Amino acid sequence: MEDLKVKKQEIRNQIKERLDALSKKEIMEKYGLIEEQLFDFANFREAEVTLLYINHPHEVNSKNILKYCSDSTKDIVLPLFRGENNGTRLYKISDIEKDLKPGANNILEPNPDRCKPVPIDDVDIAIIPGIAFDEKGGRLGLGNGRYDRIISKLPATARKVACATEDQMTQLVPMESHDKYVDIIITDKRIIYKI
């Protein structure tokens, strides 16, 4: 168990080093290619209720994805994470400029005073963040298990899609019993369907 945690942290560090070695221009070009594929992806186009994320460093920047959804007719849903006892709630974002406020680590989060809660069963597609992925849909996040808990509660019909640069792909993400897989990974070069 401890070996697995060490291995996961080693992979996180390797991916962070790879990403940090890219120029801002290179990374923005890669994000642009990912966004093009996502916006053209049938499951994404057809979804009405889209669960998105606000990225942390070393995750694909979600700003343009949020803007695209805001400019279209999609309902944007973002998670609000609270301590273990309070759990996670999903909120509909109507105005990305006004409905978000700084939270932990100065990462934007839904303002529950301005946003309506959304049942997780309403989600049609979930865009899931991560630092590293493998071709089997294995995902490595920040290590707090928040998105593993969300994935486990999503309806079976909701597609779980990750966006990642090819630099974030690794041979094998070590998975524990509580770790959850994504269905599809959209990179700057390809779309990977879970094997």
C-alpha atoms as a PDB file:
ATOM      1  CA  MET A   1       0.000   0.000   0.000  1.00  0.00           C
ATOM      2  CA  GLU A   2       2.777   2.433   0.966  1.00  0.00           C
ATOM      3  CA  ASP A   3       4.732   1.373  -2.143  1.00  0.00           C
ATOM      4  CA  LEU A   4       1.717   2.297  -4.282  1.00  0.00           C
ATOM      5  CA  LYS A   5       1.509   5.773  -2.729  1.00  0.00           C
ATOM      6  CA  VAL A   6       5.226   6.293  -3.414  1.00  0.00           C
ATOM      7  CA  LYS A   7       4.848   5.085  -7.012  1.00  0.00           C
ATOM      8  CA  LYS A   8       1.875   7.407  -7.570  1.00  0.00           C
ATOM      9  CA  GLN A   9       3.838  10.387  -6.233  1.00  0.00           C
ATOM     10  CA  GLU A  10       6.790   9.497  -8.487  1.00  0.00           C
ATOM     11  CA  ILE A  11       4.466   9.532 -11.523  1.00  0.00           C
ATOM     12  CA  ARG A  12       2.959  12.867 -10.454  1.00  0.00           C
ATOM     13  CA  ASN A  13       6.466  14.331 -10.149  1.00  0.00           C
ATOM     14  CA  GLN A  14       7.524  12.959 -13.573  1.00  0.00           C
ATOM     15  CA  ILE A  15       4.453  14.442 -15.264  1.00  0.00           C
ATOM     16  CA  LYS A  16       4.925  17.793 -13.520  1.00  0.00           C
ATOM     17  CA  GLU A  17       8.556  17.892 -14.721  1.00  0.00           C
ATOM     18  CA  ARG A  18       7.468  17.108 -18.297  1.00  0.00           C
ATOM     19  CA  LEU A  19       4.811  19.820 -18.248  1.00  0.00           C
ATOM     20  CA  ASP A  20       7.115  22.379 -16.626  1.00  0.00           C
ATOM     21  CA  ALA A  21       9.657  21.783 -19.431  1.00  0.00           C
ATOM     22  CA  LEU A  22       7.131  22.998 -22.040  1.00  0.00           C
ATOM     23  CA  SER A  23       6.954  26.637 -23.048  1.00  0.00           C
ATOM     24  CA  LYS A  24       3.732  28.559 -22.423  1.00  0.00           C
ATOM     25  CA  LYS A  25       3.211  28.657 -26.200  1.00  0.00           C
ATOM     26  CA  GLU A  26       3.618  24.860 -26.529  1.00  0.00           C
ATOM     27  CA  ILE A  27       1.199  24.148 -23.707  1.00  0.00           C
ATOM     28  CA  MET A  28      -1.408  26.599 -25.062  1.00  0.00           C
ATOM     29  CA  GLU A  29      -1.193  24.962 -28.510  1.00  0.00           C
ATOM     30  CA  LYS A  30      -1.747  21.545 -26.932  1.00  0.00           C
ATOM     31  CA  TYR A  31      -4.730  22.846 -24.948  1.00  0.00           C
ATOM     32  CA  GLY A  32      -6.164  24.318 -28.162  1.00  0.00           C
ATOM     33  CA  LEU A  33      -5.943  20.930 -29.917  1.00  0.00           C
ATOM     34  CA  ILE A  34      -7.595  19.201 -26.957  1.00  0.00           C
ATOM     35  CA  GLU A  35     -10.405  21.776 -26.912  1.00  0.00           C
ATOM     36  CA  GLU A  36     -11.035  21.371 -30.668  1.00  0.00           C
ATOM     37  CA  GLN A  37     -11.445  17.612 -30.271  1.00  0.00           C
ATOM     38  CA  LEU A  38     -13.613  17.964 -27.165  1.00  0.00           C
ATOM     39  CA  PHE A  39     -15.924  20.535 -28.774  1.00  0.00           C
ATOM     40  CA  ASP A  40     -16.325  18.253 -31.802  1.00  0.00           C
ATOM     41  CA  PHE A  41     -16.877  15.114 -29.681  1.00  0.00           C
ATOM     42  CA  ALA A  42     -20.437  13.816 -30.166  1.00  0.00           C
ATOM     43  CA  ASN A  43     -21.053  12.955 -26.488  1.00  0.00           C
ATOM     44  CA  PHE A  44     -19.961  16.459 -25.495  1.00  0.00           C
ATOM     45  CA  ARG A  45     -22.025  18.193 -28.185  1.00  0.00           C
ATOM     46  CA  GLU A  46     -25.178  16.248 -27.266  1.00  0.00           C
ATOM     47  CA  ALA A  47     -24.848  16.659 -23.487  1.00  0.00           C
ATOM     48  CA  GLU A  48     -27.132  19.182 -21.842  1.00  0.00           C
ATOM     49  CA  VAL A  49     -25.774  19.018 -18.279  1.00  0.00           C
ATOM     50  CA  THR A  50     -21.975  19.085 -18.219  1.00  0.00           C
ATOM     51  CA  LEU A  51     -19.927  18.556 -15.071  1.00  0.00           C
ATOM     52  CA  LEU A  52     -16.714  20.552 -15.420  1.00  0.00           C
ATOM     53  CA  TYR A  53     -13.807  21.467 -13.153  1.00  0.00           C
ATOM     54  CA  ILE A  54     -11.650  24.434 -12.241  1.00  0.00           C
ATOM     55  CA  ASN A  55      -8.108  23.302 -12.896  1.00  0.00           C
ATOM     56  CA  HIS A  56      -5.222  23.116 -10.474  1.00  0.00           C
ATOM     57  CA  PRO A  57      -1.672  23.532 -11.791  1.00  0.00           C
ATOM     58  CA  HIS A  58      -0.606  20.592 -14.038  1.00  0.00           C
ATOM     59  CA  GLU A  59      -4.204  19.830 -15.081  1.00  0.00           C
ATOM     60  CA  VAL A  60      -5.543  20.883 -18.496  1.00  0.00           C
ATOM     61  CA  ASN A  61      -6.710  24.483 -18.225  1.00  0.00           C
ATOM     62  CA  SER A  62     -10.522  24.518 -18.106  1.00  0.00           C
ATOM     63  CA  LYS A  63     -11.073  28.263 -18.734  1.00  0.00           C
ATOM     64  CA  ASN A  64     -11.877  27.968 -22.474  1.00  0.00           C
ATOM     65  CA  ILE A  65     -14.029  24.883 -21.909  1.00  0.00           C
ATOM     66  CA  LEU A  66     -16.066  26.771 -19.302  1.00  0.00           C
ATOM     67  CA  LYS A  67     -16.408  29.751 -21.647  1.00  0.00           C
ATOM     68  CA  TYR A  68     -17.470  27.518 -24.556  1.00  0.00           C
ATOM     69  CA  CYS A  69     -20.173  25.883 -22.430  1.00  0.00           C
ATOM     70  CA  SER A  70     -21.271  29.240 -21.050  1.00  0.00           C
ATOM     71  CA  ASP A  71     -21.660  30.627 -24.588  1.00  0.00           C
ATOM     72  CA  SER A  72     -23.700  27.575 -25.652  1.00  0.00           C
ATOM     73  CA  THR A  73     -26.939  26.193 -24.245  1.00  0.00           C
ATOM     74  CA  LYS A  74     -25.213  23.731 -21.920  1.00  0.00           C
ATOM     75  CA  ASP A  75     -25.849  23.733 -18.194  1.00  0.00           C
ATOM     76  CA  ILE A  76     -22.497  24.044 -16.418  1.00  0.00           C
ATOM     77  CA  VAL A  77     -22.188  22.138 -13.161  1.00  0.00           C
ATOM     78  CA  LEU A  78     -19.175  22.475 -10.851  1.00  0.00           C
ATOM     79  CA  PRO A  79     -18.402  20.615  -7.630  1.00  0.00           C
ATOM     80  CA  LEU A  80     -18.024  22.364  -4.297  1.00  0.00           C
ATOM     81  CA  PHE A  81     -15.791  20.284  -2.037  1.00  0.00           C
ATOM     82  CA  ARG A  82     -16.188  20.413   1.708  1.00  0.00           C
ATOM     83  CA  GLY A  83     -14.618  18.353   4.486  1.00  0.00           C
ATOM     84  CA  GLU A  84     -15.323  14.617   4.668  1.00  0.00           C
ATOM     85  CA  ASN A  85     -18.450  15.143   6.787  1.00  0.00           C
ATOM     86  CA  ASN A  86     -20.080  17.691   4.476  1.00  0.00           C
ATOM     87  CA  GLY A  87     -19.071  15.894   1.288  1.00  0.00           C
ATOM     88  CA  THR A  88     -19.345  17.318  -2.201  1.00  0.00           C
ATOM     89  CA  ARG A  89     -22.267  19.183  -3.732  1.00  0.00           C
ATOM     90  CA  LEU A  90     -22.770  20.063  -7.362  1.00  0.00           C
ATOM     91  CA  TYR A  91     -23.943  23.544  -8.343  1.00  0.00           C
ATOM     92  CA  LYS A  92     -25.232  25.000 -11.599  1.00  0.00           C
ATOM     93  CA  ILE A  93     -23.177  27.973 -12.797  1.00  0.00           C
ATOM     94  CA  SER A  94     -25.194  30.539 -14.755  1.00  0.00           C
ATOM     95  CA  ASP A  95     -22.567  33.280 -14.904  1.00  0.00           C
ATOM     96  CA  ILE A  96     -18.906  32.209 -14.727  1.00  0.00           C
ATOM     97  CA  GLU A  97     -17.865  35.766 -13.828  1.00  0.00           C
ATOM     98  CA  LYS A  98     -20.267  36.201 -10.898  1.00  0.00           C
ATOM     99  CA  ASP A  99     -21.073  32.690  -9.638  1.00  0.00           C
ATOM    100  CA  LEU A 100     -17.524  31.694  -8.620  1.00  0.00           C
ATOM    101  CA  LYS A 101     -15.470  32.779  -5.630  1.00  0.00           C
ATOM    102  CA  PRO A 102     -11.942  31.958  -4.436  1.00  0.00           C
ATOM    103  CA  GLY A 103     -11.763  28.850  -2.273  1.00  0.00           C
ATOM    104  CA  ALA A 104      -8.941  26.703  -0.908  1.00  0.00           C
ATOM    105  CA  ASN A 105      -5.540  27.487  -2.484  1.00  0.00           C
ATOM    106  CA  ASN A 106      -7.264  30.434  -4.201  1.00  0.00           C
ATOM    107  CA  ILE A 107      -8.913  28.030  -6.699  1.00  0.00           C
ATOM    108  CA  LEU A 108     -12.322  29.294  -7.831  1.00  0.00           C
ATOM    109  CA  GLU A 109     -15.380  27.365  -6.667  1.00  0.00           C
ATOM    110  CA  PRO A 110     -19.157  27.776  -6.904  1.00  0.00           C
ATOM    111  CA  ASN A 111     -20.678  30.339  -4.578  1.00  0.00           C
ATOM    112  CA  PRO A 112     -23.579  28.457  -2.922  1.00  0.00           C
ATOM    113  CA  ASP A 113     -25.293  31.796  -2.183  1.00  0.00           C
ATOM    114  CA  ARG A 114     -25.641  32.430  -5.942  1.00  0.00           C
ATOM    115  CA  CYS A 115     -25.937  28.922  -7.414  1.00  0.00           C
ATOM    116  CA  LYS A 116     -28.591  26.234  -7.368  1.00  0.00           C
ATOM    117  CA  PRO A 117     -27.685  22.688  -6.276  1.00  0.00           C
ATOM    118  CA  VAL A 118     -27.928  20.021  -8.995  1.00  0.00           C
ATOM    119  CA  PRO A 119     -28.520  16.306  -8.333  1.00  0.00           C
ATOM    120  CA  ILE A 120     -25.626  14.181  -9.598  1.00  0.00           C
ATOM    121  CA  ASP A 121     -28.142  12.027 -11.513  1.00  0.00           C
ATOM    122  CA  ASP A 122     -28.768  14.988 -13.870  1.00  0.00           C
ATOM    123  CA  VAL A 123     -25.193  14.937 -15.235  1.00  0.00           C
ATOM    124  CA  ASP A 124     -24.941  13.812 -18.894  1.00  0.00           C
ATOM    125  CA  ILE A 125     -21.162  14.070 -19.251  1.00  0.00           C
ATOM    126  CA  ALA A 126     -18.401  14.630 -16.708  1.00  0.00           C
ATOM    127  CA  ILE A 127     -15.121  16.228 -17.734  1.00  0.00           C
ATOM    128  CA  ILE A 128     -12.720  14.861 -15.133  1.00  0.00           C
ATOM    129  CA  PRO A 129      -9.361  16.463 -14.283  1.00  0.00           C
ATOM    130  CA  GLY A 130      -6.142  14.632 -13.560  1.00  0.00           C
ATOM    131  CA  ILE A 131      -2.373  14.837 -13.639  1.00  0.00           C
ATOM    132  CA  ALA A 132      -1.588  11.456 -15.245  1.00  0.00           C
ATOM    133  CA  PHE A 133      -3.537   8.871 -17.259  1.00  0.00           C
ATOM    134  CA  ASP A 134      -2.956   5.524 -18.929  1.00  0.00           C
ATOM    135  CA  GLU A 135      -4.627   3.998 -21.995  1.00  0.00           C
ATOM    136  CA  LYS A 136      -6.871   1.796 -19.838  1.00  0.00           C
ATOM    137  CA  GLY A 137      -8.550   4.877 -18.359  1.00  0.00           C
ATOM    138  CA  GLY A 138      -6.462   4.826 -15.179  1.00  0.00           C
ATOM    139  CA  ARG A 139      -6.326   8.284 -13.646  1.00  0.00           C
ATOM    140  CA  LEU A 140      -4.042   9.934 -11.141  1.00  0.00           C
ATOM    141  CA  GLY A 141      -5.295  13.137  -9.562  1.00  0.00           C
ATOM    142  CA  LEU A 142      -4.064  15.254  -6.688  1.00  0.00           C
ATOM    143  CA  GLY A 143      -4.347  12.338  -4.268  1.00  0.00           C
ATOM    144  CA  ASN A 144      -7.348  13.429  -2.217  1.00  0.00           C
ATOM    145  CA  GLY A 145      -9.860  11.038  -3.851  1.00  0.00           C
ATOM    146  CA  ARG A 146     -12.454  13.751  -4.470  1.00  0.00           C
ATOM    147  CA  TYR A 147     -13.049  12.920  -8.125  1.00  0.00           C
ATOM    148  CA  ASP A 148     -12.955   9.166  -7.433  1.00  0.00           C
ATOM    149  CA  ARG A 149     -15.940   9.735  -5.122  1.00  0.00           C
ATOM    150  CA  ILE A 150     -17.732  11.821  -7.764  1.00  0.00           C
ATOM    151  CA  ILE A 151     -17.101   9.221 -10.502  1.00  0.00           C
ATOM    152  CA  SER A 152     -18.485   6.438  -8.297  1.00  0.00           C
ATOM    153  CA  LYS A 153     -21.772   8.377  -7.845  1.00  0.00           C
ATOM    154  CA  LEU A 154     -22.325   9.437 -11.468  1.00  0.00           C
ATOM    155  CA  PRO A 155     -25.169   7.753 -13.347  1.00  0.00           C
ATOM    156  CA  ALA A 156     -24.085   4.809 -15.519  1.00  0.00           C
ATOM    157  CA  THR A 157     -25.201   6.748 -18.605  1.00  0.00           C
ATOM    158  CA  ALA A 158     -22.883   9.709 -17.897  1.00  0.00           C
ATOM    159  CA  ARG A 159     -19.673   9.599 -19.931  1.00  0.00           C
ATOM    160  CA  LYS A 160     -16.551  10.184 -17.867  1.00  0.00           C
ATOM    161  CA  VAL A 161     -14.119  12.069 -20.114  1.00  0.00           C
ATOM    162  CA  ALA A 162     -10.640  13.322 -19.245  1.00  0.00           C
ATOM    163  CA  CYS A 163      -8.639  15.946 -21.093  1.00  0.00           C
ATOM    164  CA  ALA A 164      -4.863  15.516 -21.059  1.00  0.00           C
ATOM    165  CA  THR A 165      -1.818  16.382 -23.091  1.00  0.00           C
ATOM    166  CA  GLU A 166       0.182  13.456 -24.462  1.00  0.00           C
ATOM    167  CA  ASP A 167       2.809  14.527 -21.898  1.00  0.00           C
ATOM    168  CA  GLN A 168       0.377  13.438 -19.177  1.00  0.00           C
ATOM    169  CA  MET A 169       0.055   9.901 -20.548  1.00  0.00           C
ATOM    170  CA  THR A 170       2.021   7.213 -18.746  1.00  0.00           C
ATOM    171  CA  GLN A 171       2.487   3.477 -19.265  1.00  0.00           C
ATOM    172  CA  LEU A 172       0.496   2.435 -16.207  1.00  0.00           C
ATOM    173  CA  VAL A 173      -1.246   4.310 -13.419  1.00  0.00           C
ATOM    174  CA  PRO A 174      -1.175   2.153 -10.267  1.00  0.00           C
ATOM    175  CA  MET A 175      -4.799   1.743  -9.234  1.00  0.00           C
ATOM    176  CA  GLU A 176      -6.148   0.889  -5.791  1.00  0.00           C
ATOM    177  CA  SER A 177      -9.632  -0.475  -5.088  1.00  0.00           C
ATOM    178  CA  HIS A 178     -11.050   3.024  -4.405  1.00  0.00           C
ATOM    179  CA  ASP A 179      -9.538   4.537  -7.585  1.00  0.00           C
ATOM    180  CA  LYS A 180     -11.959   5.019 -10.491  1.00  0.00           C
ATOM    181  CA  TYR A 181     -11.358   4.902 -14.241  1.00  0.00           C
ATOM    182  CA  VAL A 182     -12.483   7.347 -16.911  1.00  0.00           C
ATOM    183  CA  ASP A 183     -14.189   6.117 -20.106  1.00  0.00           C
ATOM    184  CA  ILE A 184     -12.435   8.351 -22.625  1.00  0.00           C
ATOM    185  CA  ILE A 185      -9.283  10.487 -22.717  1.00  0.00           C
ATOM    186  CA  ILE A 186      -8.994  13.333 -25.208  1.00  0.00           C
ATOM    187  CA  THR A 187      -5.395  14.396 -25.831  1.00  0.00           C
ATOM    188  CA  ASP A 188      -3.784  16.872 -28.183  1.00  0.00           C
ATOM    189  CA  LYS A 189      -3.146  13.991 -30.646  1.00  0.00           C
ATOM    190  CA  ARG A 190      -5.904  11.393 -30.227  1.00  0.00           C
ATOM    191  CA  ILE A 191      -9.049  10.176 -28.509  1.00  0.00           C
ATOM    192  CA  ILE A 192      -8.469   7.115 -26.344  1.00  0.00           C
ATOM    193  CA  TYR A 193     -11.362   4.831 -25.503  1.00  0.00           C
ATOM    194  CA  LYS A 194     -10.845   2.743 -22.372  1.00  0.00           C
ATOM    195  CA  ILE A 195      -9.511  -0.664 -23.362  1.00  0.00           C
END
